[in-house]
Protein backbone atom coordinates (compact mmCIF):
# COMPACT_ATOMS: atom_id res chain seq x y z
CA UNK A 1 -0.10 -0.02 -0.04
CA UNK A 2 2.97 2.57 0.86
CA UNK A 3 4.28 1.91 -3.15
CA UNK A 4 0.68 2.32 -4.32
CA UNK A 5 0.24 5.66 -2.59
CA UNK A 6 4.24 6.55 -3.92
CA UNK A 7 2.65 5.96 -7.87
CA UNK A 8 -0.95 5.24 -7.54
CA UNK A 9 -0.65 2.02 -9.64
CA UNK A 10 2.16 -1.37 -9.45
CA UNK A 11 2.48 -4.64 -11.37
CA UNK A 12 2.09 -7.57 -9.50
CA UNK A 13 5.89 -8.38 -10.74
CA UNK A 14 6.77 -5.39 -9.19
CA UNK A 15 5.37 -6.37 -5.95
CA UNK A 16 7.04 -10.13 -6.63
CA UNK A 17 10.04 -8.94 -7.13
CA UNK A 18 9.82 -6.11 -3.84
CA UNK A 19 8.31 -8.46 -0.85
CA UNK A 20 10.19 -11.71 -2.22
CA UNK A 21 7.22 -13.48 -2.77
CA UNK A 22 5.47 -14.94 -5.79
CA UNK A 23 3.03 -14.09 -8.13
CA UNK A 24 0.31 -16.02 -7.31
CA UNK A 25 1.22 -14.73 -3.52
CA UNK A 26 1.04 -11.32 -4.52
CA UNK A 27 -2.64 -11.81 -6.11
CA UNK A 28 -4.49 -13.31 -3.35
CA UNK A 29 -2.88 -10.40 -1.36
CA UNK A 30 -4.55 -8.19 -3.58
CA UNK A 31 -7.40 -9.89 -4.22
CA UNK A 32 -7.82 -9.80 -0.36
CA UNK A 33 -7.10 -5.70 -0.55
CA UNK A 34 -9.33 -5.05 -3.34
CA UNK A 35 -12.40 -6.65 -1.02
CA UNK A 36 -11.75 -4.29 1.76
CA UNK A 37 -11.35 -1.98 -0.20
CA UNK A 38 -7.88 -0.36 0.06
CA UNK A 39 -7.02 -0.78 -3.70
CA UNK A 40 -8.31 -1.76 -7.99
CA UNK A 41 -7.43 -4.76 -9.27
CA UNK A 42 -6.42 -4.45 -12.78
CA UNK A 43 -4.94 -6.25 -15.46
CA UNK A 44 -1.06 -7.39 -14.27
CA UNK A 45 -1.68 -5.19 -10.69
CA UNK A 46 -3.92 -2.88 -9.13
CA UNK A 47 -3.92 0.71 -8.59
CA UNK A 48 -5.28 3.04 -5.76
CA UNK A 49 -9.61 3.97 -5.77
CA UNK A 50 -10.21 7.10 -7.90
CA UNK A 51 -11.09 7.93 -4.23
CA UNK A 52 -8.44 8.00 -2.50
CA UNK A 53 -6.47 9.53 -5.63
CA UNK A 54 -8.42 12.23 -5.65
CA UNK A 55 -7.64 12.99 -1.64
CA UNK A 56 -4.13 11.76 -1.60
CA UNK A 57 -1.57 14.72 -1.09
CA UNK A 58 1.06 15.22 -3.22
CA UNK A 59 4.28 13.13 -2.91
CA UNK A 60 6.93 15.33 -0.94
CA UNK A 61 9.76 15.65 -3.58
CA UNK A 62 12.02 14.41 -0.24
CA UNK A 63 10.05 11.57 0.11
CA UNK A 64 10.52 10.78 -4.38
CA UNK A 65 14.32 11.57 -4.01
CA UNK A 66 15.01 8.06 -2.32
CA UNK A 67 12.24 5.80 -4.91
CA UNK A 68 14.34 3.73 -7.08
CA UNK A 69 17.75 5.53 -6.87
CA UNK A 70 19.75 3.25 -8.38
CA UNK A 71 18.22 3.37 -11.65
CA UNK A 72 17.39 6.97 -11.26
CA UNK A 73 21.10 7.49 -10.96
CA UNK A 74 21.30 5.33 -14.38
CA UNK A 75 19.17 7.05 -16.04
CA UNK A 76 20.74 10.44 -14.95
CA UNK A 77 24.47 9.42 -16.02
CA UNK A 78 22.80 8.30 -19.85
CA UNK A 79 20.91 11.43 -20.64
CA UNK A 80 24.11 13.14 -19.14
CA UNK A 81 26.12 11.85 -22.41
CA UNK A 82 23.09 13.45 -24.72
CA UNK A 83 24.81 17.01 -23.39
CA UNK A 84 27.32 18.38 -25.96
CA UNK A 85 29.42 21.28 -25.27
CA UNK A 86 27.58 24.63 -25.68
CA UNK A 87 24.45 23.01 -25.99
CA UNK A 88 21.83 25.37 -23.94
CA UNK A 89 19.30 22.60 -22.24
CA UNK A 90 15.92 22.51 -20.43
CA UNK A 91 15.41 20.66 -17.35
CA UNK A 92 12.05 20.22 -15.64
CA UNK A 93 10.82 19.37 -12.26
CA UNK A 94 11.73 16.01 -10.71
CA UNK A 95 14.68 13.86 -8.91
CA UNK A 96 15.86 12.60 -12.01
CA UNK A 97 16.18 16.00 -13.01
CA UNK A 98 17.90 16.91 -10.15
CA UNK A 99 20.51 14.09 -10.27
CA UNK A 100 20.68 15.28 -14.15
CA UNK A 101 22.30 18.33 -13.16
CA UNK A 102 24.71 16.72 -10.68
CA UNK A 103 25.79 14.73 -13.83
CA UNK A 104 26.66 18.09 -15.65
CA UNK A 105 28.33 19.49 -13.43
CA UNK A 106 31.67 21.39 -14.91
CA UNK A 107 30.25 21.48 -18.40
CA UNK A 108 30.65 24.38 -20.49
CA UNK A 109 26.47 24.72 -20.94
CA UNK A 110 23.65 26.73 -20.48
CA UNK A 111 21.54 24.98 -18.35
CA UNK A 112 17.22 26.79 -17.83
CA UNK A 113 15.29 24.93 -15.11
CA UNK A 114 12.24 26.13 -13.58
CA UNK A 115 13.52 23.35 -10.63
CA UNK A 116 14.85 24.40 -7.42
CA UNK A 117 16.64 21.56 -6.82
CA UNK A 118 18.70 22.02 -9.57
CA UNK A 119 19.43 25.02 -8.94
CA UNK A 120 20.51 23.94 -5.18
CA UNK A 121 23.03 21.43 -7.35
CA UNK A 122 24.32 23.63 -9.57
CA UNK A 123 24.31 27.35 -7.74
CA UNK A 124 28.09 26.85 -6.90
CA UNK A 125 29.60 25.87 -10.49
CA UNK A 126 31.50 28.06 -12.46
CA UNK A 127 31.49 26.99 -15.80
CA UNK A 128 27.29 26.27 -16.23
CA UNK A 129 25.66 29.51 -16.84
CA UNK A 130 22.26 28.85 -14.95
CA UNK A 131 18.94 30.54 -15.68
CA UNK A 132 16.40 30.63 -13.59
CA UNK A 133 12.52 30.86 -14.72
CA UNK A 134 10.61 33.44 -12.86
CA UNK A 135 7.24 32.47 -11.02
CA UNK A 136 5.17 30.91 -7.92
CA UNK A 137 6.94 28.44 -5.76
CA UNK A 138 5.40 25.47 -4.85
CA UNK A 139 7.46 24.34 -2.21
CA UNK A 140 6.57 20.53 -2.03
CA UNK A 141 7.97 19.75 -5.50
CA UNK A 142 10.49 22.74 -5.27
CA UNK A 143 9.47 24.30 -8.56
CA UNK A 144 8.49 27.16 -10.23
CA UNK A 145 5.05 27.80 -12.23
CA UNK A 146 2.19 30.05 -13.38
CA UNK A 147 2.11 31.92 -15.79
CA UNK A 148 5.92 33.79 -15.58
CA UNK A 149 7.04 30.95 -15.95
CA UNK A 150 5.22 30.26 -19.23
CA UNK A 151 6.01 33.65 -20.49
CA UNK A 152 10.08 33.73 -19.75
CA UNK A 153 9.73 29.89 -21.88
CA UNK A 154 8.39 31.55 -24.55
CA UNK A 155 11.68 34.07 -24.81
CA UNK A 156 14.16 30.91 -24.83
CA UNK A 157 15.29 27.99 -27.39
CA UNK A 158 16.93 25.03 -26.14
CA UNK A 159 18.50 21.92 -28.16
CA UNK A 160 17.03 19.93 -25.29
CA UNK A 161 14.76 19.59 -22.75
CA UNK A 162 14.74 17.00 -20.39
CA UNK A 163 11.40 16.67 -18.69
CA UNK A 164 10.14 14.17 -16.44
CA UNK A 165 6.80 12.23 -15.45
CA UNK A 166 4.29 10.76 -13.21
CA UNK A 167 3.88 7.74 -15.34
CA UNK A 168 3.79 6.80 -19.45
CA UNK A 169 0.74 4.58 -20.00
CA UNK A 170 0.61 1.48 -22.53
CA UNK A 171 -0.49 3.85 -25.57
CA UNK A 172 2.72 5.62 -25.07
CA UNK A 173 0.59 8.72 -23.35
CA UNK A 174 2.86 10.46 -20.84
CA UNK A 175 0.61 11.69 -17.52
CA UNK A 176 1.33 13.90 -15.00
CA UNK A 177 -0.77 14.60 -11.73
CA UNK A 178 -0.78 18.23 -11.15
CA UNK A 179 -2.37 20.29 -13.26
CA UNK A 180 -0.05 23.54 -12.55
CA UNK A 181 2.76 21.69 -13.57
CA UNK A 182 1.30 20.55 -17.18
CA UNK A 183 1.38 24.15 -19.07
CA UNK A 184 4.86 24.40 -18.10
CA UNK A 185 6.14 21.25 -19.26
CA UNK A 186 3.98 21.72 -22.83
CA UNK A 187 6.02 25.29 -22.97
CA UNK A 188 9.22 23.38 -22.34
CA UNK A 189 8.37 21.15 -25.08
CA UNK A 190 7.66 24.02 -27.25
CA UNK A 191 10.87 25.80 -26.54
CA UNK A 192 13.66 22.64 -27.12
CA UNK A 193 14.15 21.58 -30.64
CA UNK A 194 14.59 17.84 -28.73
CA UNK A 195 12.50 16.36 -25.82
CA UNK A 196 13.79 13.69 -23.58
CA UNK A 197 11.80 11.92 -21.49
CA UNK A 198 13.59 10.64 -17.98
CA UNK A 199 11.68 7.70 -16.67
CA UNK A 200 12.08 4.63 -14.61
CA UNK A 201 10.77 1.33 -14.90
CA UNK A 202 7.99 2.19 -11.87
CA UNK A 203 6.27 5.00 -13.97
CA UNK A 204 6.05 2.64 -17.14
CA UNK A 205 3.29 1.95 -17.05
CA UNK A 206 2.58 4.71 -14.62
CA UNK A 207 -0.74 7.06 -13.93
CA UNK A 208 -1.62 10.35 -13.71
CA UNK A 209 -4.53 12.61 -13.95
CA UNK A 210 -3.90 14.54 -17.12
CA UNK A 211 -2.09 14.09 -20.18
CA UNK A 212 0.91 16.04 -21.01
CA UNK A 213 1.28 14.75 -24.97
CA UNK A 214 1.08 11.24 -26.94
CA UNK A 215 4.28 9.48 -28.08
CA UNK A 216 4.64 11.45 -30.52
CA UNK A 217 5.53 14.49 -28.72
CA UNK A 218 8.76 12.67 -26.98
CA UNK A 219 12.05 11.94 -29.32
CA UNK A 220 13.81 10.12 -27.08
CA UNK A 221 12.59 7.89 -23.36
CA UNK A 222 15.92 7.36 -21.36
CA UNK A 223 14.39 4.62 -19.10
CA UNK A 224 16.45 1.47 -16.99
CA UNK A 225 17.00 -2.44 -18.11
CA UNK A 226 13.56 -3.05 -15.72
CA UNK A 227 11.16 -1.34 -17.80
CA UNK A 228 8.10 -2.90 -19.37
CA UNK A 229 8.51 -3.86 -22.68
CA UNK A 230 4.96 -3.56 -23.60
CA UNK A 231 5.24 0.09 -23.07
CA UNK A 232 8.52 0.22 -24.62
CA UNK A 233 7.18 -1.14 -27.64
CA UNK A 234 4.70 1.32 -27.80
CA UNK A 235 6.91 4.05 -28.07
CA UNK A 236 9.07 2.84 -30.34
CA UNK A 237 5.95 2.09 -32.95
CA UNK A 238 5.34 6.16 -32.52
CA UNK A 239 8.89 6.95 -33.69
CA UNK A 240 10.42 7.36 -30.05
CA UNK A 241 13.51 6.52 -29.41
CA UNK A 242 13.87 4.44 -27.00
CA UNK A 243 17.73 3.85 -24.41
CA UNK A 244 17.77 1.92 -22.09
CA UNK A 245 20.69 2.92 -18.95
């Protein structure tokens, strides 16, 4: 249930791996939890009930930052290889983009960001030119949002935008859980020549209340070696380059 509350959706295979239990045991447990109304079973896994999702508070940044840390580090290292010296890059909010910023320290590049976590990673780096987009501070997410952020993005052009996500559907749709973050993500996409999505396997598939874009809006996905093959295939079929870290 803790894992579900962090992600909203999970698979039998993932729970079996985490718990060191058999898939049959996990299925029995899910059936019992569904009987008591604590979750809803779906094909291959389970999700939180809609009412539960609606009243859940956003997961604090510090809590999310500890989840799937090894895979996020690998994704960040691989994503950093997509950046060339002299590039202008946009970094979205999120824990994986924060780790990417760490990998970009000492590079002769320009970083534009709405993430206060990225600011913390690069504020003392004298090589990286750091541009912080304006906006309203969302403290729980360490982010800047709103019309000031969106207006600033209309003034810039980047080689690559690195985006985070709350989840990707089996059809390749990119989702987010927060209304105010979606316009900023879309503005970043419009301001970049290339859009790279960073998502660990727990988000493939994942959940979200709002659609950011379809697979055709993402040029490249960087994920880890435990990502769901069905989701990767759906993205590849729609022209998205898939890179496994």
